């Protein structure tokens, strides 16, 4: 069982399931609420949830033990996450969840490209083909035909 819990695939699938639920719950919850305020509520819930998990698991860490580089990139990641959430909730307010979510998932395509350019990660030709399929599928899901 421990090896299953250490599997990145399990956690990635959990991320996908919860991301899907996020879209559905947010689309219903955003009715009559500004998208920015909805993002604020979501952020408070996440902050409280993570603080609870850190407390239960004893995972709190002294801020001074985090390197300056880690601080910089975690802050940048937090800013990017906040911007992503603001954009996502605004898009959900204006569009259909079944169209917004696939476009949001173009992040998969962008991660592959950015990882190759900035992190030096190498994808095989078959993987690049799969990335192209993801992009094509995401775009096709936005079309109303």
C-alpha atoms as a PDB file:
ATOM      1  CA  UNK A   1       0.000   0.000   0.000  1.00  0.00           C
ATOM      2  CA  UNK A   2       2.860   2.357   0.786  1.00  0.00           C
ATOM      3  CA  UNK A   3       4.215   2.050  -2.751  1.00  0.00           C
ATOM      4  CA  UNK A   4       0.804   3.000  -4.153  1.00  0.00           C
ATOM      5  CA  UNK A   5       0.712   6.140  -2.003  1.00  0.00           C
ATOM      6  CA  UNK A   6       4.210   7.019  -3.217  1.00  0.00           C
ATOM      7  CA  UNK A   7       3.081   6.794  -6.850  1.00  0.00           C
ATOM      8  CA  UNK A   8       3.053  10.077  -8.742  1.00  0.00           C
ATOM      9  CA  UNK A   9       0.397   8.595 -11.030  1.00  0.00           C
ATOM     10  CA  UNK A  10      -2.069   8.172  -8.161  1.00  0.00           C
ATOM     11  CA  UNK A  11      -1.602  11.764  -7.013  1.00  0.00           C
ATOM     12  CA  UNK A  12      -1.770  13.101 -10.584  1.00  0.00           C
ATOM     13  CA  UNK A  13      -5.067  11.237 -11.113  1.00  0.00           C
ATOM     14  CA  UNK A  14      -6.340  12.680  -7.840  1.00  0.00           C
ATOM     15  CA  UNK A  15      -5.367  16.116  -9.099  1.00  0.00           C
ATOM     16  CA  UNK A  16      -7.326  15.545 -12.312  1.00  0.00           C
ATOM     17  CA  UNK A  17     -10.422  14.324 -10.442  1.00  0.00           C
ATOM     18  CA  UNK A  18     -10.366  17.246  -8.027  1.00  0.00           C
ATOM     19  CA  UNK A  19      -9.695  19.724 -10.841  1.00  0.00           C
ATOM     20  CA  UNK A  20     -12.777  18.383 -12.633  1.00  0.00           C
ATOM     21  CA  UNK A  21     -14.848  18.730  -9.461  1.00  0.00           C
ATOM     22  CA  UNK A  22     -13.444  22.244  -9.029  1.00  0.00           C
ATOM     23  CA  UNK A  23     -14.908  23.274 -12.375  1.00  0.00           C
ATOM     24  CA  UNK A  24     -18.327  21.795 -11.658  1.00  0.00           C
ATOM     25  CA  UNK A  25     -18.575  23.086  -8.072  1.00  0.00           C
ATOM     26  CA  UNK A  26     -17.273  26.525  -9.080  1.00  0.00           C
ATOM     27  CA  UNK A  27     -19.690  26.875 -11.995  1.00  0.00           C
ATOM     28  CA  UNK A  28     -22.626  26.199  -9.679  1.00  0.00           C
ATOM     29  CA  UNK A  29     -21.219  28.273  -6.807  1.00  0.00           C
ATOM     30  CA  UNK A  30     -20.330  31.334  -8.833  1.00  0.00           C
ATOM     31  CA  UNK A  31     -23.963  32.179  -9.617  1.00  0.00           C
ATOM     32  CA  UNK A  32     -24.734  35.601  -8.170  1.00  0.00           C
ATOM     33  CA  UNK A  33     -21.153  36.063  -6.912  1.00  0.00           C
ATOM     34  CA  UNK A  34     -18.385  38.119  -8.504  1.00  0.00           C
ATOM     35  CA  UNK A  35     -15.657  35.901  -9.904  1.00  0.00           C
ATOM     36  CA  UNK A  36     -12.973  37.730  -7.896  1.00  0.00           C
ATOM     37  CA  UNK A  37     -14.875  37.302  -4.621  1.00  0.00           C
ATOM     38  CA  UNK A  38     -15.470  33.642  -5.453  1.00  0.00           C
ATOM     39  CA  UNK A  39     -11.706  33.247  -5.920  1.00  0.00           C
ATOM     40  CA  UNK A  40     -11.163  34.919  -2.530  1.00  0.00           C
ATOM     41  CA  UNK A  41     -13.535  32.470  -0.813  1.00  0.00           C
ATOM     42  CA  UNK A  42     -11.823  29.543  -2.516  1.00  0.00           C
ATOM     43  CA  UNK A  43      -8.413  30.825  -1.411  1.00  0.00           C
ATOM     44  CA  UNK A  44      -9.499  31.099   2.236  1.00  0.00           C
ATOM     45  CA  UNK A  45     -10.812  27.519   2.164  1.00  0.00           C
ATOM     46  CA  UNK A  46      -7.558  26.274   0.621  1.00  0.00           C
ATOM     47  CA  UNK A  47      -5.435  28.175   3.139  1.00  0.00           C
ATOM     48  CA  UNK A  48      -7.415  26.758   6.070  1.00  0.00           C
ATOM     49  CA  UNK A  49      -7.330  23.241   4.609  1.00  0.00           C
ATOM     50  CA  UNK A  50      -3.584  23.266   4.039  1.00  0.00           C
ATOM     51  CA  UNK A  51      -2.933  24.714   7.513  1.00  0.00           C
ATOM     52  CA  UNK A  52      -5.014  21.874   8.964  1.00  0.00           C
ATOM     53  CA  UNK A  53      -3.116  19.240   6.948  1.00  0.00           C
ATOM     54  CA  UNK A  54       0.244  20.702   7.992  1.00  0.00           C
ATOM     55  CA  UNK A  55      -0.853  20.621  11.615  1.00  0.00           C
ATOM     56  CA  UNK A  56      -2.184  17.064  11.508  1.00  0.00           C
ATOM     57  CA  UNK A  57       0.862  15.695   9.704  1.00  0.00           C
ATOM     58  CA  UNK A  58       3.393  17.776  11.635  1.00  0.00           C
ATOM     59  CA  UNK A  59       4.762  19.143   8.378  1.00  0.00           C
ATOM     60  CA  UNK A  60       5.189  22.770   9.433  1.00  0.00           C
ATOM     61  CA  UNK A  61       8.679  24.019   8.606  1.00  0.00           C
ATOM     62  CA  UNK A  62      10.699  26.958   9.859  1.00  0.00           C
ATOM     63  CA  UNK A  63      10.612  29.637   7.125  1.00  0.00           C
ATOM     64  CA  UNK A  64      14.352  30.216   7.620  1.00  0.00           C
ATOM     65  CA  UNK A  65      15.049  26.641   6.452  1.00  0.00           C
ATOM     66  CA  UNK A  66      13.713  27.467   2.980  1.00  0.00           C
ATOM     67  CA  UNK A  67      16.379  28.715   0.562  1.00  0.00           C
ATOM     68  CA  UNK A  68      16.106  32.135  -1.075  1.00  0.00           C
ATOM     69  CA  UNK A  69      15.771  30.444  -4.482  1.00  0.00           C
ATOM     70  CA  UNK A  70      12.894  28.294  -3.208  1.00  0.00           C
ATOM     71  CA  UNK A  71      11.203  31.348  -1.678  1.00  0.00           C
ATOM     72  CA  UNK A  72      11.507  33.242  -4.965  1.00  0.00           C
ATOM     73  CA  UNK A  73      10.091  30.464  -7.106  1.00  0.00           C
ATOM     74  CA  UNK A  74       7.362  29.512  -4.618  1.00  0.00           C
ATOM     75  CA  UNK A  75       6.250  33.153  -4.469  1.00  0.00           C
ATOM     76  CA  UNK A  76       6.275  33.329  -8.279  1.00  0.00           C
ATOM     77  CA  UNK A  77       4.307  30.060  -8.376  1.00  0.00           C
ATOM     78  CA  UNK A  78       1.807  31.495  -5.905  1.00  0.00           C
ATOM     79  CA  UNK A  79       1.368  34.626  -8.004  1.00  0.00           C
ATOM     80  CA  UNK A  80       0.899  32.514 -11.132  1.00  0.00           C
ATOM     81  CA  UNK A  81      -1.637  30.326  -9.300  1.00  0.00           C
ATOM     82  CA  UNK A  82      -3.563  33.378  -8.144  1.00  0.00           C
ATOM     83  CA  UNK A  83      -3.606  34.837 -11.641  1.00  0.00           C
ATOM     84  CA  UNK A  84      -4.691  31.453 -13.035  1.00  0.00           C
ATOM     85  CA  UNK A  85      -7.538  31.182 -10.541  1.00  0.00           C
ATOM     86  CA  UNK A  86      -8.737  34.730 -11.234  1.00  0.00           C
ATOM     87  CA  UNK A  87      -8.734  34.041 -14.964  1.00  0.00           C
ATOM     88  CA  UNK A  88     -10.374  30.637 -14.518  1.00  0.00           C
ATOM     89  CA  UNK A  89     -13.224  31.932 -12.373  1.00  0.00           C
ATOM     90  CA  UNK A  90     -13.806  34.875 -14.717  1.00  0.00           C
ATOM     91  CA  UNK A  91     -13.923  32.447 -17.661  1.00  0.00           C
ATOM     92  CA  UNK A  92     -16.357  30.178 -15.771  1.00  0.00           C
ATOM     93  CA  UNK A  93     -18.546  33.178 -15.023  1.00  0.00           C
ATOM     94  CA  UNK A  94     -18.687  34.023 -18.720  1.00  0.00           C
ATOM     95  CA  UNK A  95     -18.625  30.600 -20.389  1.00  0.00           C
ATOM     96  CA  UNK A  96     -19.640  26.984 -20.129  1.00  0.00           C
ATOM     97  CA  UNK A  97     -17.607  24.729 -17.838  1.00  0.00           C
ATOM     98  CA  UNK A  98     -17.407  22.156 -20.652  1.00  0.00           C
ATOM     99  CA  UNK A  99     -15.613  24.745 -22.800  1.00  0.00           C
ATOM    100  CA  UNK A 100     -13.600  26.610 -20.160  1.00  0.00           C
ATOM    101  CA  UNK A 101     -12.019  23.517 -18.571  1.00  0.00           C
ATOM    102  CA  UNK A 102     -10.515  22.120 -21.794  1.00  0.00           C
ATOM    103  CA  UNK A 103      -8.947  25.470 -22.650  1.00  0.00           C
ATOM    104  CA  UNK A 104      -7.587  25.645 -19.098  1.00  0.00           C
ATOM    105  CA  UNK A 105      -6.077  22.206 -19.654  1.00  0.00           C
ATOM    106  CA  UNK A 106      -4.023  23.611 -22.505  1.00  0.00           C
ATOM    107  CA  UNK A 107      -1.704  24.208 -19.563  1.00  0.00           C
ATOM    108  CA  UNK A 108      -0.642  20.588 -20.163  1.00  0.00           C
ATOM    109  CA  UNK A 109       0.617  21.586 -23.599  1.00  0.00           C
ATOM    110  CA  UNK A 110       2.321  24.687 -22.241  1.00  0.00           C
ATOM    111  CA  UNK A 111       3.971  22.741 -19.407  1.00  0.00           C
ATOM    112  CA  UNK A 112       5.451  20.310 -21.933  1.00  0.00           C
ATOM    113  CA  UNK A 113       6.811  23.175 -24.039  1.00  0.00           C
ATOM    114  CA  UNK A 114       8.071  25.201 -21.053  1.00  0.00           C
ATOM    115  CA  UNK A 115       9.654  22.122 -19.457  1.00  0.00           C
ATOM    116  CA  UNK A 116      11.515  21.413 -22.682  1.00  0.00           C
ATOM    117  CA  UNK A 117      12.679  25.018 -23.104  1.00  0.00           C
ATOM    118  CA  UNK A 118      13.366  26.076 -19.511  1.00  0.00           C
ATOM    119  CA  UNK A 119      14.065  22.803 -17.681  1.00  0.00           C
ATOM    120  CA  UNK A 120      15.766  20.891 -20.465  1.00  0.00           C
ATOM    121  CA  UNK A 121      13.292  18.012 -20.241  1.00  0.00           C
ATOM    122  CA  UNK A 122      13.151  15.818 -23.323  1.00  0.00           C
ATOM    123  CA  UNK A 123       9.993  14.309 -24.720  1.00  0.00           C
ATOM    124  CA  UNK A 124      10.051  11.595 -27.337  1.00  0.00           C
ATOM    125  CA  UNK A 125       8.406  12.192 -30.722  1.00  0.00           C
ATOM    126  CA  UNK A 126       5.510   9.984 -29.537  1.00  0.00           C
ATOM    127  CA  UNK A 127       5.066  12.198 -26.469  1.00  0.00           C
ATOM    128  CA  UNK A 128       5.091  15.349 -28.606  1.00  0.00           C
ATOM    129  CA  UNK A 129       2.428  13.753 -30.788  1.00  0.00           C
ATOM    130  CA  UNK A 130       0.358  13.134 -27.660  1.00  0.00           C
ATOM    131  CA  UNK A 131       0.836  16.783 -26.645  1.00  0.00           C
ATOM    132  CA  UNK A 132      -0.443  17.808 -30.082  1.00  0.00           C
ATOM    133  CA  UNK A 133      -3.467  15.536 -29.624  1.00  0.00           C
ATOM    134  CA  UNK A 134      -4.191  17.172 -26.268  1.00  0.00           C
ATOM    135  CA  UNK A 135      -4.020  20.611 -27.875  1.00  0.00           C
ATOM    136  CA  UNK A 136      -6.231  19.531 -30.758  1.00  0.00           C
ATOM    137  CA  UNK A 137      -8.759  17.922 -28.424  1.00  0.00           C
ATOM    138  CA  UNK A 138      -8.895  20.977 -26.182  1.00  0.00           C
ATOM    139  CA  UNK A 139      -9.522  23.256 -29.141  1.00  0.00           C
ATOM    140  CA  UNK A 140     -12.136  20.899 -30.607  1.00  0.00           C
ATOM    141  CA  UNK A 141     -14.028  20.847 -27.297  1.00  0.00           C
ATOM    142  CA  UNK A 142     -14.413  24.630 -27.461  1.00  0.00           C
ATOM    143  CA  UNK A 143     -16.226  24.447 -30.789  1.00  0.00           C
ATOM    144  CA  UNK A 144     -20.004  24.386 -30.723  1.00  0.00           C
ATOM    145  CA  UNK A 145     -21.046  22.386 -33.763  1.00  0.00           C
END
